[in-house]
Amino acid sequence: MTDTKQAWQDVGDQFDALGLKLKLHLEEERSARDDDSGGDGVREALDRAAAALDDVFDALGEAAEDVAVKADLKDLAGTFGAALETTFDDLGGRLRGYFGGGAG
C-alpha cells in the first residue's frame, strides 16, 4: 500500500512541476503583450477575455516547443504508468488474498 501511495504522490509531484512550467509560460505570454485596456463596459471585458484566451493558447504553443516541458511530459507518462502498474499489482495481491488464490 505504501508503494502505491508513493507512486501516486510521484505523479502528483510531477503534475505540480509541469503546472508551474505552464504557468510560467502563460505569465511570459501575458507580460509580452502590452495590456493597456483601461475602458469599462461589456466590449472591453470581452476583449480582455479574448486576449486572455489568446495568451493561454500562445503559452501552450510555446510550452509545446519547450524542451523541458517535453521532458516533463515524457517523465510524467512513465511515472503515471508505473503508478498504474503498482496499483494493479497491489489490487491483484489483495484479490488473490481475498479469494484464497495462491501459488499453484
Protein backbone atom coordinates (compact mmCIF):
# COMPACT_ATOMS: atom_id res chain seq x y z
CA MET A 1 0.00 0.00 0.00
CA THR A 2 2.84 2.38 0.79
CA ASP A 3 4.37 1.79 -2.66
CA THR A 4 1.04 2.58 -4.32
CA LYS A 5 0.60 5.74 -2.29
CA GLN A 6 4.14 6.87 -3.08
CA ALA A 7 3.68 6.10 -6.78
CA TRP A 8 0.64 8.38 -6.95
CA GLN A 9 2.41 11.02 -4.87
CA ASP A 10 5.16 11.00 -7.51
CA VAL A 11 2.55 11.51 -10.24
CA GLY A 12 1.08 14.43 -8.32
CA ASP A 13 4.51 15.97 -7.78
CA GLN A 14 5.26 15.78 -11.49
CA PHE A 15 1.90 17.33 -12.37
CA ASP A 16 2.72 20.17 -9.96
CA ALA A 17 6.10 20.73 -11.62
CA LEU A 18 4.56 20.68 -15.09
CA GLY A 19 1.81 23.06 -13.97
CA LEU A 20 4.42 25.51 -12.71
CA LYS A 21 6.23 25.46 -16.05
CA LEU A 22 2.97 26.04 -17.92
CA LYS A 23 2.11 28.88 -15.53
CA LEU A 24 5.47 30.50 -16.22
CA HIS A 25 4.87 30.26 -19.97
CA LEU A 26 1.47 31.92 -19.53
CA GLU A 27 2.95 34.70 -17.39
CA GLU A 28 5.64 35.31 -20.01
CA GLU A 29 2.99 35.49 -22.73
CA ARG A 30 0.91 37.94 -20.73
CA SER A 31 3.87 40.16 -19.93
CA ALA A 32 4.90 40.15 -23.60
CA ARG A 33 1.53 41.62 -24.52
CA ASP A 34 1.10 45.26 -23.61
CA ASP A 35 -2.23 45.32 -21.72
CA ASP A 36 -3.31 48.95 -21.80
CA SER A 37 -7.06 48.31 -21.85
CA GLY A 38 -8.43 50.74 -19.29
CA GLY A 39 -12.01 51.10 -20.53
CA ASP A 40 -15.20 49.91 -18.96
CA GLY A 41 -18.11 48.02 -20.34
CA VAL A 42 -19.02 44.73 -21.85
CA ARG A 43 -16.98 45.21 -25.02
CA GLU A 44 -13.77 45.84 -23.10
CA ALA A 45 -14.45 42.84 -20.84
CA LEU A 46 -14.98 40.62 -23.88
CA ASP A 47 -11.81 41.97 -25.47
CA ARG A 48 -9.85 41.20 -22.29
CA ALA A 49 -11.35 37.70 -22.14
CA ALA A 50 -10.44 37.07 -25.78
CA ALA A 51 -6.93 38.39 -25.18
CA ALA A 52 -6.58 36.13 -22.14
CA LEU A 53 -7.64 33.11 -24.21
CA ASP A 54 -5.15 34.11 -26.89
CA ASP A 55 -2.47 34.28 -24.19
CA VAL A 56 -3.36 30.81 -22.93
CA PHE A 57 -3.16 29.27 -26.40
CA ASP A 58 0.03 31.15 -27.23
CA ALA A 59 1.57 29.98 -23.94
CA LEU A 60 0.53 26.38 -24.66
CA GLY A 61 2.10 26.66 -28.09
CA GLU A 62 5.32 28.00 -26.58
CA ALA A 63 5.27 25.29 -23.89
CA ALA A 64 4.85 22.62 -26.56
CA GLU A 65 8.16 23.76 -28.06
CA ASP A 66 9.92 23.89 -24.68
CA VAL A 67 12.37 21.00 -24.34
CA ALA A 68 11.96 20.95 -20.55
CA VAL A 69 8.17 20.68 -20.84
CA LYS A 70 8.50 17.85 -23.37
CA ALA A 71 10.87 16.03 -21.00
CA ASP A 72 8.48 16.56 -18.10
CA LEU A 73 5.58 15.14 -20.12
CA LYS A 74 7.65 12.09 -21.04
CA ASP A 75 8.67 11.58 -17.39
CA LEU A 76 5.09 12.09 -16.27
CA ALA A 77 3.83 9.44 -18.69
CA GLY A 78 6.37 6.96 -17.31
CA THR A 79 5.55 7.81 -13.70
CA PHE A 80 1.83 7.56 -14.40
CA GLY A 81 2.30 4.14 -16.00
CA ALA A 82 4.40 2.96 -13.05
CA ALA A 83 1.72 4.19 -10.63
CA LEU A 84 -0.96 2.27 -12.52
CA GLU A 85 1.20 -0.86 -12.54
CA THR A 86 1.85 -0.59 -8.80
CA THR A 87 -1.84 -0.02 -8.13
CA PHE A 88 -2.93 -3.05 -10.15
CA ASP A 89 -0.22 -5.23 -8.61
CA ASP A 90 -1.44 -4.19 -5.16
CA LEU A 91 -5.06 -4.78 -6.13
CA GLY A 92 -4.22 -8.18 -7.64
CA GLY A 93 -2.47 -9.24 -4.43
CA ARG A 94 -5.43 -8.17 -2.36
CA LEU A 95 -7.89 -10.00 -4.60
CA ARG A 96 -5.79 -13.17 -4.54
CA GLY A 97 -5.71 -12.94 -0.75
CA TYR A 98 -9.44 -12.34 -0.59
CA PHE A 99 -10.40 -15.19 -2.90
CA GLY A 100 -7.82 -17.57 -1.47
CA GLY A 101 -5.78 -17.76 -4.65
CA GLY A 102 -2.23 -18.77 -4.07
CA ALA A 103 0.67 -20.21 -5.89
CA GLY A 104 -0.10 -23.35 -7.84
